[in-house]
Amino acid sequence: MPRHVDPVARRRDILLATTSVLAQGGMRGLSVRTVAERLGGSTTLVTHYYPTMKDLLDELSTSMVESWDEEFAGLERGIDDPRARLMVLLEWLLPVDEQTRIEESARINLLADELTGSDHRKTFRAWERQVRRLLRDHLVDLLPEDAIDGAVELLRVVINGVVLSAIEHPRDWPRPRQLAVVEDALGGLGLPAPTARESDGREARSPRDEETRA
């Protein structure tokens, strides 16, 4: 009897392999063949589910955003302090482990290449708007209304800068250094440093300890 293949699991494996290839070689290193090689099979293993590269990249970008939405939905459960909730969000946006560095590298390579199609660019632009909405929502209880827009811009720039630094120099940018830069940015906004209890709680339920954005 032919071996049963779970199509959902197979698609997930293909998307994970595509993410790894993109992170390592960018768009120029991405092909059906390189994805199939990463999976240890023939090109038909990929084309059976994704007939064209556009089909594959469109689903990759959509699945990334959907998985991020699903993951973040449960991270703040049980956290009432607005300062602690903001820090959970900011840490979640950082590439604090190997898997998230791979995903961020893939996303950046996907968006930076001139050959990238417009559909998944639109998907990531929609996600960027969502991130800014999340930042605003998390700042409402911490800052005056007239200071929120500027704070959103500052935090988004800081996060993007830390992401790029951590991808370019991963050994120099471990999780503690990334978080320290974010804490400095919050201090610049006039937000108090976290208490020992808050820090312990955040450490105990680090987003990346619970689930990666795979």
C-alpha atoms as a PDB file:
ATOM      1  CA  MET A   1       0.000   0.000   0.000  1.00  0.00           C
ATOM      2  CA  PRO A   2       1.233   3.529  -0.737  1.00  0.00           C
ATOM      3  CA  ARG A   3       2.470   5.413   2.281  1.00  0.00           C
ATOM      4  CA  HIS A   4       0.003   8.001   3.552  1.00  0.00           C
ATOM      5  CA  VAL A   5       1.293  11.569   3.427  1.00  0.00           C
ATOM      6  CA  ASP A   6      -0.276  14.291   5.529  1.00  0.00           C
ATOM      7  CA  PRO A   7      -0.648  17.189   3.074  1.00  0.00           C
ATOM      8  CA  VAL A   8      -0.792  19.787   5.856  1.00  0.00           C
ATOM      9  CA  ALA A   9       2.446  18.517   7.382  1.00  0.00           C
ATOM     10  CA  ARG A  10       4.088  18.284   3.962  1.00  0.00           C
ATOM     11  CA  ARG A  11       3.167  21.879   3.110  1.00  0.00           C
ATOM     12  CA  ARG A  12       4.532  22.983   6.468  1.00  0.00           C
ATOM     13  CA  ASP A  13       7.792  21.163   5.790  1.00  0.00           C
ATOM     14  CA  ILE A  14       8.076  22.786   2.367  1.00  0.00           C
ATOM     15  CA  LEU A  15       7.480  26.246   3.819  1.00  0.00           C
ATOM     16  CA  LEU A  16      10.067  25.668   6.550  1.00  0.00           C
ATOM     17  CA  ALA A  17      12.598  24.487   3.960  1.00  0.00           C
ATOM     18  CA  THR A  18      11.854  27.533   1.803  1.00  0.00           C
ATOM     19  CA  THR A  19      12.378  29.808   4.792  1.00  0.00           C
ATOM     20  CA  SER A  20      15.772  28.242   5.498  1.00  0.00           C
ATOM     21  CA  VAL A  21      16.897  28.531   1.863  1.00  0.00           C
ATOM     22  CA  LEU A  22      15.754  32.153   1.697  1.00  0.00           C
ATOM     23  CA  ALA A  23      17.531  33.027   4.922  1.00  0.00           C
ATOM     24  CA  GLN A  24      20.784  31.485   3.760  1.00  0.00           C
ATOM     25  CA  GLY A  25      20.922  32.379   0.073  1.00  0.00           C
ATOM     26  CA  GLY A  26      18.292  35.025  -0.550  1.00  0.00           C
ATOM     27  CA  MET A  27      16.078  35.052  -3.630  1.00  0.00           C
ATOM     28  CA  ARG A  28      18.990  34.254  -5.920  1.00  0.00           C
ATOM     29  CA  GLY A  29      19.615  31.018  -4.069  1.00  0.00           C
ATOM     30  CA  LEU A  30      15.964  30.028  -4.030  1.00  0.00           C
ATOM     31  CA  SER A  31      14.554  27.550  -6.526  1.00  0.00           C
ATOM     32  CA  VAL A  32      12.336  24.499  -6.530  1.00  0.00           C
ATOM     33  CA  ARG A  33      15.499  22.419  -6.735  1.00  0.00           C
ATOM     34  CA  THR A  34      17.166  23.989  -3.681  1.00  0.00           C
ATOM     35  CA  VAL A  35      13.996  23.604  -1.626  1.00  0.00           C
ATOM     36  CA  ALA A  36      13.668  19.975  -2.700  1.00  0.00           C
ATOM     37  CA  GLU A  37      17.311  19.345  -1.826  1.00  0.00           C
ATOM     38  CA  ARG A  38      16.733  20.794   1.636  1.00  0.00           C
ATOM     39  CA  LEU A  39      13.866  18.326   2.042  1.00  0.00           C
ATOM     40  CA  GLY A  40      15.937  15.444   0.701  1.00  0.00           C
ATOM     41  CA  GLY A  41      13.608  14.680  -2.218  1.00  0.00           C
ATOM     42  CA  SER A  42      12.925  15.409  -5.864  1.00  0.00           C
ATOM     43  CA  THR A  43      11.446  18.624  -7.283  1.00  0.00           C
ATOM     44  CA  THR A  44       8.062  16.922  -7.670  1.00  0.00           C
ATOM     45  CA  LEU A  45       7.894  16.848  -3.880  1.00  0.00           C
ATOM     46  CA  VAL A  46       7.520  20.632  -4.067  1.00  0.00           C
ATOM     47  CA  THR A  47       5.666  21.133  -7.350  1.00  0.00           C
ATOM     48  CA  HIS A  48       2.941  18.666  -6.349  1.00  0.00           C
ATOM     49  CA  TYR A  49       1.825  21.225  -3.739  1.00  0.00           C
ATOM     50  CA  TYR A  50       3.156  24.437  -5.287  1.00  0.00           C
ATOM     51  CA  PRO A  51       3.175  24.324  -9.102  1.00  0.00           C
ATOM     52  CA  THR A  52       4.971  27.668  -9.392  1.00  0.00           C
ATOM     53  CA  MET A  53       7.438  29.628  -7.285  1.00  0.00           C
ATOM     54  CA  LYS A  54       4.864  32.401  -7.015  1.00  0.00           C
ATOM     55  CA  ASP A  55       2.400  29.972  -5.419  1.00  0.00           C
ATOM     56  CA  LEU A  56       5.066  28.946  -2.930  1.00  0.00           C
ATOM     57  CA  LEU A  57       6.157  32.469  -2.005  1.00  0.00           C
ATOM     58  CA  ASP A  58       2.602  33.748  -1.727  1.00  0.00           C
ATOM     59  CA  GLU A  59       1.725  31.024   0.763  1.00  0.00           C
ATOM     60  CA  LEU A  60       5.005  31.522   2.611  1.00  0.00           C
ATOM     61  CA  SER A  61       4.343  35.204   3.258  1.00  0.00           C
ATOM     62  CA  THR A  62       0.715  34.570   4.208  1.00  0.00           C
ATOM     63  CA  SER A  63       1.610  31.711   6.549  1.00  0.00           C
ATOM     64  CA  MET A  64       4.283  33.806   8.268  1.00  0.00           C
ATOM     65  CA  VAL A  65       1.814  36.558   9.087  1.00  0.00           C
ATOM     66  CA  GLU A  66      -0.904  34.128  10.173  1.00  0.00           C
ATOM     67  CA  SER A  67       1.463  32.237  12.461  1.00  0.00           C
ATOM     68  CA  TRP A  68       2.681  35.482  14.039  1.00  0.00           C
ATOM     69  CA  ASP A  69      -0.909  36.576  14.688  1.00  0.00           C
ATOM     70  CA  GLU A  70      -1.783  33.229  16.255  1.00  0.00           C
ATOM     71  CA  GLU A  71       1.331  33.157  18.412  1.00  0.00           C
ATOM     72  CA  PHE A  72       0.978  36.639  19.817  1.00  0.00           C
ATOM     73  CA  ALA A  73      -2.698  36.165  20.652  1.00  0.00           C
ATOM     74  CA  GLY A  74      -1.890  34.067  23.704  1.00  0.00           C
ATOM     75  CA  LEU A  75       1.333  35.632  24.946  1.00  0.00           C
ATOM     76  CA  GLU A  76      -0.202  38.380  27.066  1.00  0.00           C
ATOM     77  CA  ARG A  77      -2.824  36.221  28.729  1.00  0.00           C
ATOM     78  CA  GLY A  78      -2.759  36.861  32.466  1.00  0.00           C
ATOM     79  CA  ILE A  79      -0.512  39.961  32.265  1.00  0.00           C
ATOM     80  CA  ASP A  80      -2.284  43.057  33.581  1.00  0.00           C
ATOM     81  CA  ASP A  81       0.560  45.550  33.980  1.00  0.00           C
ATOM     82  CA  PRO A  82       0.734  47.717  30.807  1.00  0.00           C
ATOM     83  CA  ARG A  83       4.524  48.131  31.060  1.00  0.00           C
ATOM     84  CA  ALA A  84       4.990  44.365  31.223  1.00  0.00           C
ATOM     85  CA  ARG A  85       2.564  43.845  28.325  1.00  0.00           C
ATOM     86  CA  LEU A  86       4.499  46.315  26.193  1.00  0.00           C
ATOM     87  CA  MET A  87       7.761  44.527  26.904  1.00  0.00           C
ATOM     88  CA  VAL A  88       6.248  41.175  25.938  1.00  0.00           C
ATOM     89  CA  LEU A  89       5.250  42.689  22.598  1.00  0.00           C
ATOM     90  CA  LEU A  90       8.661  44.250  21.989  1.00  0.00           C
ATOM     91  CA  GLU A  91      10.541  41.062  22.824  1.00  0.00           C
ATOM     92  CA  TRP A  92       8.224  39.095  20.562  1.00  0.00           C
ATOM     93  CA  LEU A  93       9.243  41.369  17.672  1.00  0.00           C
ATOM     94  CA  LEU A  94      12.941  40.609  18.206  1.00  0.00           C
ATOM     95  CA  PRO A  95      14.991  37.725  16.755  1.00  0.00           C
ATOM     96  CA  VAL A  96      16.066  36.425  20.146  1.00  0.00           C
ATOM     97  CA  ASP A  97      16.817  32.858  19.057  1.00  0.00           C
ATOM     98  CA  GLU A  98      18.035  30.935  16.011  1.00  0.00           C
ATOM     99  CA  GLN A  99      14.597  30.193  14.576  1.00  0.00           C
ATOM    100  CA  THR A 100      13.423  33.790  14.696  1.00  0.00           C
ATOM    101  CA  ARG A 101      16.697  34.984  13.165  1.00  0.00           C
ATOM    102  CA  ILE A 102      16.112  32.593  10.277  1.00  0.00           C
ATOM    103  CA  GLU A 103      12.568  33.853   9.809  1.00  0.00           C
ATOM    104  CA  GLU A 104      13.572  37.510   9.926  1.00  0.00           C
ATOM    105  CA  SER A 105      16.428  36.882   7.469  1.00  0.00           C
ATOM    106  CA  ALA A 106      14.002  35.163   5.103  1.00  0.00           C
ATOM    107  CA  ARG A 107      11.478  38.000   5.381  1.00  0.00           C
ATOM    108  CA  ILE A 108      14.108  40.659   4.713  1.00  0.00           C
ATOM    109  CA  ASN A 109      15.548  38.772   1.751  1.00  0.00           C
ATOM    110  CA  LEU A 110      12.077  38.215   0.378  1.00  0.00           C
ATOM    111  CA  LEU A 111      11.230  41.920   0.501  1.00  0.00           C
ATOM    112  CA  ALA A 112      14.611  43.293  -0.549  1.00  0.00           C
ATOM    113  CA  ASP A 113      14.937  41.517  -3.885  1.00  0.00           C
ATOM    114  CA  GLU A 114      13.752  43.410  -6.965  1.00  0.00           C
ATOM    115  CA  LEU A 115      12.213  40.222  -8.370  1.00  0.00           C
ATOM    116  CA  THR A 116       9.835  39.875  -5.441  1.00  0.00           C
ATOM    117  CA  GLY A 117       6.191  39.975  -6.475  1.00  0.00           C
ATOM    118  CA  SER A 118       3.727  42.523  -5.203  1.00  0.00           C
ATOM    119  CA  ASP A 119       1.255  40.156  -3.538  1.00  0.00           C
ATOM    120  CA  HIS A 120       3.393  39.185  -0.594  1.00  0.00           C
ATOM    121  CA  ARG A 121       4.764  42.719  -0.339  1.00  0.00           C
ATOM    122  CA  LYS A 122       1.162  43.757   0.282  1.00  0.00           C
ATOM    123  CA  THR A 123       0.854  41.027   2.895  1.00  0.00           C
ATOM    124  CA  PHE A 124       3.890  42.276   4.794  1.00  0.00           C
ATOM    125  CA  ARG A 125       2.809  45.907   4.476  1.00  0.00           C
ATOM    126  CA  ALA A 126      -0.493  44.939   6.072  1.00  0.00           C
ATOM    127  CA  TRP A 127       1.481  43.209   8.831  1.00  0.00           C
ATOM    128  CA  GLU A 128       3.569  46.348   9.363  1.00  0.00           C
ATOM    129  CA  ARG A 129       0.386  48.348   9.863  1.00  0.00           C
ATOM    130  CA  GLN A 130      -0.763  45.731  12.370  1.00  0.00           C
ATOM    131  CA  VAL A 131       2.510  45.998  14.311  1.00  0.00           C
ATOM    132  CA  ARG A 132       2.104  49.748  14.548  1.00  0.00           C
ATOM    133  CA  ARG A 133      -1.468  49.324  15.766  1.00  0.00           C
ATOM    134  CA  LEU A 134      -0.248  46.894  18.423  1.00  0.00           C
ATOM    135  CA  LEU A 135       2.412  49.345  19.554  1.00  0.00           C
ATOM    136  CA  ARG A 136      -0.128  52.143  19.777  1.00  0.00           C
ATOM    137  CA  ASP A 137      -2.575  49.981  21.723  1.00  0.00           C
ATOM    138  CA  HIS A 138       0.166  49.042  24.192  1.00  0.00           C
ATOM    139  CA  LEU A 139       1.223  52.655  24.714  1.00  0.00           C
ATOM    140  CA  VAL A 140      -2.227  54.116  25.350  1.00  0.00           C
ATOM    141  CA  ASP A 141      -2.097  53.412  29.094  1.00  0.00           C
ATOM    142  CA  LEU A 142       1.526  54.515  29.428  1.00  0.00           C
ATOM    143  CA  LEU A 143       1.883  57.851  27.617  1.00  0.00           C
ATOM    144  CA  PRO A 144      -0.145  60.981  26.897  1.00  0.00           C
ATOM    145  CA  GLU A 145      -2.082  60.833  23.640  1.00  0.00           C
ATOM    146  CA  ASP A 146       0.064  63.493  21.974  1.00  0.00           C
ATOM    147  CA  ALA A 147       3.218  61.467  22.650  1.00  0.00           C
ATOM    148  CA  ILE A 148       2.050  58.131  21.295  1.00  0.00           C
ATOM    149  CA  ASP A 149       2.681  58.630  17.572  1.00  0.00           C
ATOM    150  CA  GLY A 150       6.272  59.674  18.186  1.00  0.00           C
ATOM    151  CA  ALA A 151       6.791  56.746  20.550  1.00  0.00           C
ATOM    152  CA  VAL A 152       5.477  54.303  17.958  1.00  0.00           C
ATOM    153  CA  GLU A 153       7.947  55.661  15.395  1.00  0.00           C
ATOM    154  CA  LEU A 154      10.845  55.500  17.840  1.00  0.00           C
ATOM    155  CA  LEU A 155      10.127  51.950  18.980  1.00  0.00           C
ATOM    156  CA  ARG A 156       9.601  50.714  15.423  1.00  0.00           C
ATOM    157  CA  VAL A 157      12.938  52.180  14.339  1.00  0.00           C
ATOM    158  CA  VAL A 158      14.700  50.729  17.386  1.00  0.00           C
ATOM    159  CA  ILE A 159      13.210  47.282  16.812  1.00  0.00           C
ATOM    160  CA  ASN A 160      14.124  47.324  13.122  1.00  0.00           C
ATOM    161  CA  GLY A 161      17.668  48.392  13.967  1.00  0.00           C
ATOM    162  CA  VAL A 162      18.093  45.645  16.541  1.00  0.00           C
ATOM    163  CA  VAL A 163      16.664  43.076  14.105  1.00  0.00           C
ATOM    164  CA  LEU A 164      19.161  44.016  11.400  1.00  0.00           C
ATOM    165  CA  SER A 165      22.064  44.087  13.862  1.00  0.00           C
ATOM    166  CA  ALA A 166      21.145  40.677  15.270  1.00  0.00           C
ATOM    167  CA  ILE A 167      20.903  39.178  11.793  1.00  0.00           C
ATOM    168  CA  GLU A 168      24.167  40.687  10.560  1.00  0.00           C
ATOM    169  CA  HIS A 169      26.120  39.969  13.772  1.00  0.00           C
ATOM    170  CA  PRO A 170      24.219  37.248  15.675  1.00  0.00           C
ATOM    171  CA  ARG A 171      27.054  36.439  18.088  1.00  0.00           C
ATOM    172  CA  ASP A 172      27.317  40.085  19.116  1.00  0.00           C
ATOM    173  CA  TRP A 173      23.579  40.454  19.657  1.00  0.00           C
ATOM    174  CA  PRO A 174      22.271  37.782  22.052  1.00  0.00           C
ATOM    175  CA  ARG A 175      18.887  38.167  23.695  1.00  0.00           C
ATOM    176  CA  PRO A 176      20.123  40.133  26.761  1.00  0.00           C
ATOM    177  CA  ARG A 177      21.765  42.804  24.601  1.00  0.00           C
ATOM    178  CA  GLN A 178      18.680  43.128  22.407  1.00  0.00           C
ATOM    179  CA  LEU A 179      16.461  43.586  25.443  1.00  0.00           C
ATOM    180  CA  ALA A 180      18.864  46.082  27.008  1.00  0.00           C
ATOM    181  CA  VAL A 181      18.622  48.335  23.942  1.00  0.00           C
ATOM    182  CA  VAL A 182      14.845  48.166  24.053  1.00  0.00           C
ATOM    183  CA  GLU A 183      14.836  49.011  27.758  1.00  0.00           C
ATOM    184  CA  ASP A 184      17.036  52.042  27.017  1.00  0.00           C
ATOM    185  CA  ALA A 185      14.534  53.174  24.392  1.00  0.00           C
ATOM    186  CA  LEU A 186      11.683  52.863  26.882  1.00  0.00           C
ATOM    187  CA  GLY A 187      13.710  54.837  29.386  1.00  0.00           C
ATOM    188  CA  GLY A 188      14.128  57.564  26.782  1.00  0.00           C
ATOM    189  CA  LEU A 189      10.356  57.728  26.499  1.00  0.00           C
ATOM    190  CA  GLY A 190      10.113  58.318  30.233  1.00  0.00           C
ATOM    191  CA  LEU A 191       8.775  54.872  31.057  1.00  0.00           C
ATOM    192  CA  PRO A 192      10.111  53.438  34.312  1.00  0.00           C
ATOM    193  CA  ALA A 193      12.515  50.532  34.358  1.00  0.00           C
ATOM    194  CA  PRO A 194      10.881  47.194  35.168  1.00  0.00           C
ATOM    195  CA  THR A 195      10.753  46.044  38.748  1.00  0.00           C
ATOM    196  CA  ALA A 196      12.524  42.829  39.737  1.00  0.00           C
ATOM    197  CA  ARG A 197       9.155  41.102  39.893  1.00  0.00           C
ATOM    198  CA  GLU A 198       8.248  42.265  36.388  1.00  0.00           C
ATOM    199  CA  SER A 199      11.596  41.150  35.012  1.00  0.00           C
ATOM    200  CA  ASP A 200      11.261  37.734  36.624  1.00  0.00           C
ATOM    201  CA  GLY A 201       7.780  37.325  35.195  1.00  0.00           C
ATOM    202  CA  ARG A 202       8.863  38.282  31.726  1.00  0.00           C
ATOM    203  CA  GLU A 203      11.781  35.867  31.878  1.00  0.00           C
ATOM    204  CA  ALA A 204       9.491  33.101  33.014  1.00  0.00           C
ATOM    205  CA  ARG A 205       7.214  33.466  30.026  1.00  0.00           C
ATOM    206  CA  SER A 206       9.573  34.565  27.306  1.00  0.00           C
ATOM    207  CA  PRO A 207       7.719  34.341  23.972  1.00  0.00           C
ATOM    208  CA  ARG A 208      10.462  32.267  22.385  1.00  0.00           C
ATOM    209  CA  ASP A 209      10.506  29.811  25.267  1.00  0.00           C
ATOM    210  CA  GLU A 210       6.839  29.021  24.693  1.00  0.00           C
ATOM    211  CA  GLU A 211       6.740  28.681  20.943  1.00  0.00           C
ATOM    212  CA  THR A 212       8.802  29.736  17.909  1.00  0.00           C
ATOM    213  CA  ARG A 213       7.255  31.519  14.946  1.00  0.00           C
ATOM    214  CA  ALA A 214       7.678  28.527  12.652  1.00  0.00           C
END
